[in-house]
Amino acid sequence: MDIARHALALVDEHHVVAIYPISSGAVATPTVVGSDWAYRKTSGNTVAMLDKVYLLRGDAIRGYVRVPAYPASHGRVRLPIADAAANL
């Protein structure tokens, strides 16, 4: 994940499979950055928030209706719903 570029890379065995636009955590609620392992995926809980992927540290990547090109979430990573549904 590159917060400065608002991008998330999906990597499989050191090969970049895809790069997605994201919105990370706002200044008051920053996203923890680094490599992480996904351990569970759920369908989400609202029309605006779908396809959540939980990471080992308790953070999550989720499909979201609004994915601005600036930090806007409460610490989680927002990904366009279509990208989350197709690829996470």
PDB file of N, CA and C in Angstrom:
ATOM      1  N   MET A   1       0.851  -1.159   0.000  1.00  0.00           N
ATOM      2  CA  MET A   1       0.000   0.000   0.000  1.00  0.00           C
ATOM      3  C   MET A   1       0.899   1.224   0.000  1.00  0.00           C
ATOM      4  N   ASP A   2       0.579   2.174  -0.859  1.00  0.00           N
ATOM      5  CA  ASP A   2       1.304   3.438  -0.932  1.00  0.00           C
ATOM      6  C   ASP A   2       0.303   4.542  -0.627  1.00  0.00           C
ATOM      7  N   ILE A   3       0.328   5.004   0.624  1.00  0.00           N
ATOM      8  CA  ILE A   3      -0.649   6.009   1.039  1.00  0.00           C
ATOM      9  C   ILE A   3      -0.441   7.326   0.310  1.00  0.00           C
ATOM     10  N   ALA A   4       0.800   7.701   0.047  1.00  0.00           N
ATOM     11  CA  ALA A   4       1.077   8.961  -0.655  1.00  0.00           C
ATOM     12  C   ALA A   4       0.475   8.974  -2.059  1.00  0.00           C
ATOM     13  N   ARG A   5       0.433   7.812  -2.697  1.00  0.00           N
ATOM     14  CA  ARG A   5      -0.131   7.709  -4.054  1.00  0.00           C
ATOM     15  C   ARG A   5      -1.570   7.216  -4.049  1.00  0.00           C
ATOM     16  N   HIS A   6      -2.111   6.929  -2.880  1.00  0.00           N
ATOM     17  CA  HIS A   6      -3.478   6.422  -2.741  1.00  0.00           C
ATOM     18  C   HIS A   6      -3.668   5.169  -3.599  1.00  0.00           C
ATOM     19  N   ALA A   7      -2.760   4.206  -3.392  1.00  0.00           N
ATOM     20  CA  ALA A   7      -2.789   2.987  -4.198  1.00  0.00           C
ATOM     21  C   ALA A   7      -2.524   1.756  -3.332  1.00  0.00           C
ATOM     22  N   LEU A   8      -3.135   0.656  -3.724  1.00  0.00           N
ATOM     23  CA  LEU A   8      -2.955  -0.633  -3.071  1.00  0.00           C
ATOM     24  C   LEU A   8      -2.567  -1.647  -4.140  1.00  0.00           C
ATOM     25  N   ALA A   9      -1.493  -2.393  -3.900  1.00  0.00           N
ATOM     26  CA  ALA A   9      -1.060  -3.410  -4.856  1.00  0.00           C
ATOM     27  C   ALA A   9      -1.460  -4.788  -4.332  1.00  0.00           C
ATOM     28  N   LEU A  10      -2.038  -5.596  -5.198  1.00  0.00           N
ATOM     29  CA  LEU A  10      -2.322  -6.992  -4.903  1.00  0.00           C
ATOM     30  C   LEU A  10      -1.125  -7.774  -5.431  1.00  0.00           C
ATOM     31  N   VAL A  11      -0.403  -8.448  -4.529  1.00  0.00           N
ATOM     32  CA  VAL A  11       0.833  -9.128  -4.894  1.00  0.00           C
ATOM     33  C   VAL A  11       0.694 -10.613  -4.587  1.00  0.00           C
ATOM     34  N   ASP A  12       1.096 -11.441  -5.550  1.00  0.00           N
ATOM     35  CA  ASP A  12       1.073 -12.888  -5.391  1.00  0.00           C
ATOM     36  C   ASP A  12       2.478 -13.409  -5.654  1.00  0.00           C
ATOM     37  N   GLU A  13       3.115 -13.907  -4.617  1.00  0.00           N
ATOM     38  CA  GLU A  13       4.477 -14.445  -4.728  1.00  0.00           C
ATOM     39  C   GLU A  13       5.419 -13.475  -5.441  1.00  0.00           C
ATOM     40  N   HIS A  14       5.471 -12.256  -4.979  1.00  0.00           N
ATOM     41  CA  HIS A  14       6.375 -11.209  -5.467  1.00  0.00           C
ATOM     42  C   HIS A  14       6.010 -10.660  -6.846  1.00  0.00           C
ATOM     43  N   HIS A  15       4.843 -10.988  -7.362  1.00  0.00           N
ATOM     44  CA  HIS A  15       4.385 -10.471  -8.649  1.00  0.00           C
ATOM     45  C   HIS A  15       3.171  -9.578  -8.426  1.00  0.00           C
ATOM     46  N   VAL A  16       3.223  -8.375  -8.964  1.00  0.00           N
ATOM     47  CA  VAL A  16       2.091  -7.466  -8.846  1.00  0.00           C
ATOM     48  C   VAL A  16       0.996  -7.943  -9.789  1.00  0.00           C
ATOM     49  N   VAL A  17      -0.152  -8.265  -9.218  1.00  0.00           N
ATOM     50  CA  VAL A  17      -1.297  -8.754  -9.984  1.00  0.00           C
ATOM     51  C   VAL A  17      -2.180  -7.587 -10.427  1.00  0.00           C
ATOM     52  N   ALA A  18      -2.359  -6.614  -9.539  1.00  0.00           N
ATOM     53  CA  ALA A  18      -3.210  -5.461  -9.845  1.00  0.00           C
ATOM     54  C   ALA A  18      -2.874  -4.314  -8.900  1.00  0.00           C
ATOM     55  N   ILE A  19      -3.205  -3.111  -9.332  1.00  0.00           N
ATOM     56  CA  ILE A  19      -3.059  -1.919  -8.496  1.00  0.00           C
ATOM     57  C   ILE A  19      -4.404  -1.212  -8.472  1.00  0.00           C
ATOM     58  N   TYR A  20      -4.851  -0.840  -7.260  1.00  0.00           N
ATOM     59  CA  TYR A  20      -6.175  -0.246  -7.087  1.00  0.00           C
ATOM     60  C   TYR A  20      -6.077   1.131  -6.437  1.00  0.00           C
ATOM     61  N   PRO A  21      -6.995   2.039  -6.784  1.00  0.00           N
ATOM     62  CA  PRO A  21      -7.064   3.316  -6.068  1.00  0.00           C
ATOM     63  C   PRO A  21      -7.685   3.085  -4.702  1.00  0.00           C
ATOM     64  N   ILE A  22      -7.186   3.808  -3.707  1.00  0.00           N
ATOM     65  CA  ILE A  22      -7.715   3.661  -2.346  1.00  0.00           C
ATOM     66  C   ILE A  22      -7.881   5.019  -1.687  1.00  0.00           C
ATOM     67  N   SER A  23      -8.582   5.007  -0.579  1.00  0.00           N
ATOM     68  CA  SER A  23      -8.605   6.125   0.353  1.00  0.00           C
ATOM     69  C   SER A  23      -8.223   5.539   1.699  1.00  0.00           C
ATOM     70  N   SER A  24      -7.235   6.138   2.339  1.00  0.00           N
ATOM     71  CA  SER A  24      -6.748   5.623   3.618  1.00  0.00           C
ATOM     72  C   SER A  24      -7.346   6.412   4.777  1.00  0.00           C
ATOM     73  N   GLY A  25      -6.825   6.170   5.964  1.00  0.00           N
ATOM     74  CA  GLY A  25      -7.331   6.825   7.162  1.00  0.00           C
ATOM     75  C   GLY A  25      -7.027   8.313   7.206  1.00  0.00           C
ATOM     76  N   ALA A  26      -7.964   9.059   7.752  1.00  0.00           N
ATOM     77  CA  ALA A  26      -7.792  10.501   7.919  1.00  0.00           C
ATOM     78  C   ALA A  26      -6.672  10.766   8.932  1.00  0.00           C
ATOM     79  N   VAL A  27      -6.232  12.008   9.012  1.00  0.00           N
ATOM     80  CA  VAL A  27      -5.139  12.376   9.911  1.00  0.00           C
ATOM     81  C   VAL A  27      -5.432  11.959  11.354  1.00  0.00           C
ATOM     82  N   ALA A  28      -6.643  12.152  11.811  1.00  0.00           N
ATOM     83  CA  ALA A  28      -7.011  11.810  13.188  1.00  0.00           C
ATOM     84  C   ALA A  28      -7.107  10.303  13.420  1.00  0.00           C
ATOM     85  N   THR A  29      -7.318   9.526  12.350  1.00  0.00           N
ATOM     86  CA  THR A  29      -7.464   8.069  12.456  1.00  0.00           C
ATOM     87  C   THR A  29      -6.649   7.398  11.348  1.00  0.00           C
ATOM     88  N   PRO A  30      -5.321   7.459  11.432  1.00  0.00           N
ATOM     89  CA  PRO A  30      -4.475   6.985  10.330  1.00  0.00           C
ATOM     90  C   PRO A  30      -4.527   5.472  10.124  1.00  0.00           C
ATOM     91  N   THR A  31      -4.264   5.067   8.893  1.00  0.00           N
ATOM     92  CA  THR A  31      -4.154   3.659   8.530  1.00  0.00           C
ATOM     93  C   THR A  31      -2.751   3.177   8.877  1.00  0.00           C
ATOM     94  N   VAL A  32      -2.646   2.014   9.474  1.00  0.00           N
ATOM     95  CA  VAL A  32      -1.350   1.409   9.741  1.00  0.00           C
ATOM     96  C   VAL A  32      -0.842   0.838   8.423  1.00  0.00           C
ATOM     97  N   VAL A  33       0.382   1.158   8.049  1.00  0.00           N
ATOM     98  CA  VAL A  33       0.902   0.705   6.764  1.00  0.00           C
ATOM     99  C   VAL A  33       1.895  -0.436   6.941  1.00  0.00           C
ATOM    100  N   GLY A  34       2.124  -1.172   5.850  1.00  0.00           N
ATOM    101  CA  GLY A  34       3.068  -2.272   5.838  1.00  0.00           C
ATOM    102  C   GLY A  34       2.477  -3.480   5.152  1.00  0.00           C
ATOM    103  N   SER A  35       3.260  -4.523   5.059  1.00  0.00           N
ATOM    104  CA  SER A  35       2.779  -5.775   4.481  1.00  0.00           C
ATOM    105  C   SER A  35       1.927  -6.486   5.519  1.00  0.00           C
ATOM    106  N   ASP A  36       0.911  -7.142   5.068  1.00  0.00           N
ATOM    107  CA  ASP A  36       0.034  -7.835   6.004  1.00  0.00           C
ATOM    108  C   ASP A  36      -0.616  -9.017   5.306  1.00  0.00           C
ATOM    109  N   TRP A  37      -1.155  -9.914   6.083  1.00  0.00           N
ATOM    110  CA  TRP A  37      -1.836 -11.090   5.553  1.00  0.00           C
ATOM    111  C   TRP A  37      -3.322 -10.985   5.801  1.00  0.00           C
ATOM    112  N   ALA A  38      -4.082 -11.282   4.786  1.00  0.00           N
ATOM    113  CA  ALA A  38      -5.539 -11.335   4.931  1.00  0.00           C
ATOM    114  C   ALA A  38      -5.908 -12.691   5.510  1.00  0.00           C
ATOM    115  N   TYR A  39      -6.873 -12.709   6.430  1.00  0.00           N
ATOM    116  CA  TYR A  39      -7.268 -13.986   7.014  1.00  0.00           C
ATOM    117  C   TYR A  39      -8.743 -14.288   6.895  1.00  0.00           C
ATOM    118  N   ARG A  40      -9.551 -13.293   6.515  1.00  0.00           N
ATOM    119  CA  ARG A  40     -10.985 -13.555   6.399  1.00  0.00           C
ATOM    120  C   ARG A  40     -11.631 -12.522   5.496  1.00  0.00           C
ATOM    121  N   LYS A  41     -12.627 -12.951   4.727  1.00  0.00           N
ATOM    122  CA  LYS A  41     -13.402 -12.041   3.888  1.00  0.00           C
ATOM    123  C   LYS A  41     -14.874 -12.221   4.229  1.00  0.00           C
ATOM    124  N   THR A  42     -15.574 -11.090   4.334  1.00  0.00           N
ATOM    125  CA  THR A  42     -17.018 -11.134   4.556  1.00  0.00           C
ATOM    126  C   THR A  42     -17.695 -10.291   3.492  1.00  0.00           C
ATOM    127  N   SER A  43     -18.993 -10.404   3.407  1.00  0.00           N
ATOM    128  CA  SER A  43     -19.724  -9.650   2.389  1.00  0.00           C
ATOM    129  C   SER A  43     -19.964  -8.203   2.786  1.00  0.00           C
ATOM    130  N   GLY A  44     -19.649  -7.803   3.991  1.00  0.00           N
ATOM    131  CA  GLY A  44     -19.875  -6.435   4.441  1.00  0.00           C
ATOM    132  C   GLY A  44     -21.191  -6.327   5.179  1.00  0.00           C
ATOM    133  N   ASN A  45     -21.537  -5.094   5.554  1.00  0.00           N
ATOM    134  CA  ASN A  45     -22.729  -4.959   6.378  1.00  0.00           C
ATOM    135  C   ASN A  45     -23.697  -3.869   5.943  1.00  0.00           C
ATOM    136  N   THR A  46     -23.393  -3.141   4.896  1.00  0.00           N
ATOM    137  CA  THR A  46     -24.312  -2.111   4.412  1.00  0.00           C
ATOM    138  C   THR A  46     -24.226  -2.017   2.906  1.00  0.00           C
ATOM    139  N   VAL A  47     -25.107  -1.236   2.326  1.00  0.00           N
ATOM    140  CA  VAL A  47     -25.053  -1.004   0.877  1.00  0.00           C
ATOM    141  C   VAL A  47     -23.799  -0.215   0.522  1.00  0.00           C
ATOM    142  N   ALA A  48     -23.342   0.645   1.423  1.00  0.00           N
ATOM    143  CA  ALA A  48     -22.178   1.491   1.148  1.00  0.00           C
ATOM    144  C   ALA A  48     -20.850   0.814   1.448  1.00  0.00           C
ATOM    145  N   MET A  49     -20.850  -0.286   2.197  1.00  0.00           N
ATOM    146  CA  MET A  49     -19.609  -0.924   2.605  1.00  0.00           C
ATOM    147  C   MET A  49     -19.712  -2.429   2.373  1.00  0.00           C
ATOM    148  N   LEU A  50     -18.994  -2.905   1.375  1.00  0.00           N
ATOM    149  CA  LEU A  50     -19.099  -4.313   0.977  1.00  0.00           C
ATOM    150  C   LEU A  50     -17.732  -4.983   0.915  1.00  0.00           C
ATOM    151  N   ASP A  51     -17.743  -6.308   0.895  1.00  0.00           N
ATOM    152  CA  ASP A  51     -16.548  -7.121   0.672  1.00  0.00           C
ATOM    153  C   ASP A  51     -15.377  -6.716   1.553  1.00  0.00           C
ATOM    154  N   LYS A  52     -15.539  -6.901   2.858  1.00  0.00           N
ATOM    155  CA  LYS A  52     -14.470  -6.582   3.787  1.00  0.00           C
ATOM    156  C   LYS A  52     -13.460  -7.718   3.835  1.00  0.00           C
ATOM    157  N   VAL A  53     -12.187  -7.352   3.846  1.00  0.00           N
ATOM    158  CA  VAL A  53     -11.107  -8.305   4.037  1.00  0.00           C
ATOM    159  C   VAL A  53     -10.380  -7.896   5.301  1.00  0.00           C
ATOM    160  N   TYR A  54     -10.333  -8.802   6.279  1.00  0.00           N
ATOM    161  CA  TYR A  54      -9.687  -8.516   7.550  1.00  0.00           C
ATOM    162  C   TYR A  54      -8.220  -8.913   7.492  1.00  0.00           C
ATOM    163  N   LEU A  55      -7.385  -8.054   8.046  1.00  0.00           N
ATOM    164  CA  LEU A  55      -5.951  -8.290   8.071  1.00  0.00           C
ATOM    165  C   LEU A  55      -5.516  -8.704   9.465  1.00  0.00           C
ATOM    166  N   LEU A  56      -4.347  -9.306   9.585  1.00  0.00           N
ATOM    167  CA  LEU A  56      -3.894  -9.880  10.849  1.00  0.00           C
ATOM    168  C   LEU A  56      -3.893  -8.904  12.012  1.00  0.00           C
ATOM    169  N   ARG A  57      -3.578  -7.648  11.796  1.00  0.00           N
ATOM    170  CA  ARG A  57      -3.523  -6.692  12.903  1.00  0.00           C
ATOM    171  C   ARG A  57      -4.897  -6.156  13.273  1.00  0.00           C
ATOM    172  N   GLY A  58      -5.950  -6.620  12.630  1.00  0.00           N
ATOM    173  CA  GLY A  58      -7.292  -6.153  12.948  1.00  0.00           C
ATOM    174  C   GLY A  58      -7.787  -5.059  12.028  1.00  0.00           C
ATOM    175  N   ASP A  59      -6.942  -4.578  11.136  1.00  0.00           N
ATOM    176  CA  ASP A  59      -7.374  -3.593  10.158  1.00  0.00           C
ATOM    177  C   ASP A  59      -8.206  -4.293   9.087  1.00  0.00           C
ATOM    178  N   ALA A  60      -8.785  -3.504   8.195  1.00  0.00           N
ATOM    179  CA  ALA A  60      -9.597  -4.089   7.130  1.00  0.00           C
ATOM    180  C   ALA A  60      -9.488  -3.265   5.861  1.00  0.00           C
ATOM    181  N   ILE A  61      -9.663  -3.950   4.758  1.00  0.00           N
ATOM    182  CA  ILE A  61      -9.809  -3.325   3.446  1.00  0.00           C
ATOM    183  C   ILE A  61     -11.255  -3.577   3.069  1.00  0.00           C
ATOM    184  N   ARG A  62     -11.953  -2.554   2.575  1.00  0.00           N
ATOM    185  CA  ARG A  62     -13.365  -2.760   2.270  1.00  0.00           C
ATOM    186  C   ARG A  62     -13.776  -2.014   1.025  1.00  0.00           C
ATOM    187  N   GLY A  63     -14.711  -2.608   0.305  1.00  0.00           N
ATOM    188  CA  GLY A  63     -15.318  -1.919  -0.811  1.00  0.00           C
ATOM    189  C   GLY A  63     -16.213  -0.818  -0.275  1.00  0.00           C
ATOM    190  N   TYR A  64     -16.150   0.348  -0.858  1.00  0.00           N
ATOM    191  CA  TYR A  64     -16.907   1.485  -0.341  1.00  0.00           C
ATOM    192  C   TYR A  64     -17.416   2.325  -1.498  1.00  0.00           C
ATOM    193  N   VAL A  65     -18.553   2.951  -1.304  1.00  0.00           N
ATOM    194  CA  VAL A  65     -19.171   3.776  -2.346  1.00  0.00           C
ATOM    195  C   VAL A  65     -18.298   4.982  -2.682  1.00  0.00           C
ATOM    196  N   ARG A  66     -17.806   5.659  -1.649  1.00  0.00           N
ATOM    197  CA  ARG A  66     -17.031   6.875  -1.855  1.00  0.00           C
ATOM    198  C   ARG A  66     -15.561   6.592  -1.558  1.00  0.00           C
ATOM    199  N   VAL A  67     -14.696   6.766  -2.570  1.00  0.00           N
ATOM    200  CA  VAL A  67     -13.264   6.544  -2.408  1.00  0.00           C
ATOM    201  C   VAL A  67     -12.539   7.784  -2.928  1.00  0.00           C
ATOM    202  N   PRO A  68     -12.472   8.834  -2.102  1.00  0.00           N
ATOM    203  CA  PRO A  68     -11.804  10.055  -2.548  1.00  0.00           C
ATOM    204  C   PRO A  68     -10.287   9.850  -2.635  1.00  0.00           C
ATOM    205  N   ALA A  69      -9.612  10.679  -3.385  1.00  0.00           N
ATOM    206  CA  ALA A  69      -8.157  10.577  -3.560  1.00  0.00           C
ATOM    207  C   ALA A  69      -7.414  11.310  -2.449  1.00  0.00           C
ATOM    208  N   TYR A  70      -7.912  11.176  -1.238  1.00  0.00           N
ATOM    209  CA  TYR A  70      -7.255  11.756  -0.059  1.00  0.00           C
ATOM    210  C   TYR A  70      -7.665  10.915   1.152  1.00  0.00           C
ATOM    211  N   PRO A  71      -6.902  10.984   2.242  1.00  0.00           N
ATOM    212  CA  PRO A  71      -7.232  10.217   3.445  1.00  0.00           C
ATOM    213  C   PRO A  71      -8.580  10.659   4.020  1.00  0.00           C
ATOM    214  N   ALA A  72      -9.540   9.729   4.137  1.00  0.00           N
ATOM    215  CA  ALA A  72     -10.888  10.113   4.563  1.00  0.00           C
ATOM    216  C   ALA A  72     -11.561   9.109   5.497  1.00  0.00           C
ATOM    217  N   SER A  73     -10.991   7.934   5.678  1.00  0.00           N
ATOM    218  CA  SER A  73     -11.692   6.912   6.459  1.00  0.00           C
ATOM    219  C   SER A  73     -11.313   6.977   7.937  1.00  0.00           C
ATOM    220  N   HIS A  74     -11.873   6.081   8.696  1.00  0.00           N
ATOM    221  CA  HIS A  74     -11.559   5.969  10.122  1.00  0.00           C
ATOM    222  C   HIS A  74     -10.489   4.901  10.341  1.00  0.00           C
ATOM    223  N   GLY A  75      -9.433   4.951   9.543  1.00  0.00           N
ATOM    224  CA  GLY A  75      -8.308   4.034   9.696  1.00  0.00           C
ATOM    225  C   GLY A  75      -8.319   2.841   8.772  1.00  0.00           C
ATOM    226  N   ARG A  76      -9.462   2.515   8.237  1.00  0.00           N
ATOM    227  CA  ARG A  76      -9.539   1.386   7.309  1.00  0.00           C
ATOM    228  C   ARG A  76      -9.204   1.854   5.896  1.00  0.00           C
ATOM    229  N   VAL A  77      -9.003   0.902   5.008  1.00  0.00           N
ATOM    230  CA  VAL A  77      -8.688   1.227   3.621  1.00  0.00           C
ATOM    231  C   VAL A  77      -9.950   1.080   2.789  1.00  0.00           C
ATOM    232  N   ARG A  78     -10.338   2.138   2.096  1.00  0.00           N
ATOM    233  CA  ARG A  78     -11.491   2.086   1.194  1.00  0.00           C
ATOM    234  C   ARG A  78     -11.008   1.772  -0.215  1.00  0.00           C
ATOM    235  N   LEU A  79     -11.749   0.912  -0.875  1.00  0.00           N
ATOM    236  CA  LEU A  79     -11.469   0.469  -2.234  1.00  0.00           C
ATOM    237  C   LEU A  79     -12.785   0.553  -2.995  1.00  0.00           C
ATOM    238  N   PRO A  80     -12.772   0.965  -4.277  1.00  0.00           N
ATOM    239  CA  PRO A  80     -14.044   0.992  -5.007  1.00  0.00           C
ATOM    240  C   PRO A  80     -14.749  -0.370  -4.932  1.00  0.00           C
ATOM    241  N   ILE A  81     -16.057  -0.360  -4.764  1.00  0.00           N
ATOM    242  CA  ILE A  81     -16.839  -1.580  -4.595  1.00  0.00           C
ATOM    243  C   ILE A  81     -16.593  -2.585  -5.723  1.00  0.00           C
ATOM    244  N   ALA A  82     -16.547  -2.116  -6.962  1.00  0.00           N
ATOM    245  CA  ALA A  82     -16.347  -3.033  -8.083  1.00  0.00           C
ATOM    246  C   ALA A  82     -14.995  -3.749  -7.983  1.00  0.00           C
ATOM    247  N   ASP A  83     -13.955  -3.044  -7.574  1.00  0.00           N
ATOM    248  CA  ASP A  83     -12.641  -3.650  -7.422  1.00  0.00           C
ATOM    249  C   ASP A  83     -12.623  -4.645  -6.268  1.00  0.00           C
ATOM    250  N   ALA A  84     -13.267  -4.301  -5.179  1.00  0.00           N
ATOM    251  CA  ALA A  84     -13.314  -5.189  -4.018  1.00  0.00           C
ATOM    252  C   ALA A  84     -14.079  -6.464  -4.341  1.00  0.00           C
ATOM    253  N   ALA A  85     -15.195  -6.325  -4.992  1.00  0.00           N
ATOM    254  CA  ALA A  85     -16.030  -7.496  -5.313  1.00  0.00           C
ATOM    255  C   ALA A  85     -15.328  -8.438  -6.272  1.00  0.00           C
ATOM    256  N   ALA A  86     -14.599  -7.890  -7.225  1.00  0.00           N
ATOM    257  CA  ALA A  86     -13.972  -8.716  -8.252  1.00  0.00           C
ATOM    258  C   ALA A  86     -12.643  -9.319  -7.818  1.00  0.00           C
ATOM    259  N   ASN A  87     -11.969  -8.689  -6.877  1.00  0.00           N
ATOM    260  CA  ASN A  87     -10.564  -9.078  -6.655  1.00  0.00           C
ATOM    261  C   ASN A  87     -10.154  -9.384  -5.236  1.00  0.00           C
ATOM    262  N   LEU A  88     -10.953  -9.053  -4.252  1.00  0.00           N
ATOM    263  CA  LEU A  88     -10.515  -9.343  -2.888  1.00  0.00           C
ATOM    264  C   LEU A  88     -11.064 -10.675  -2.415  1.00  0.00           C
TER     265      LEU A  88
END
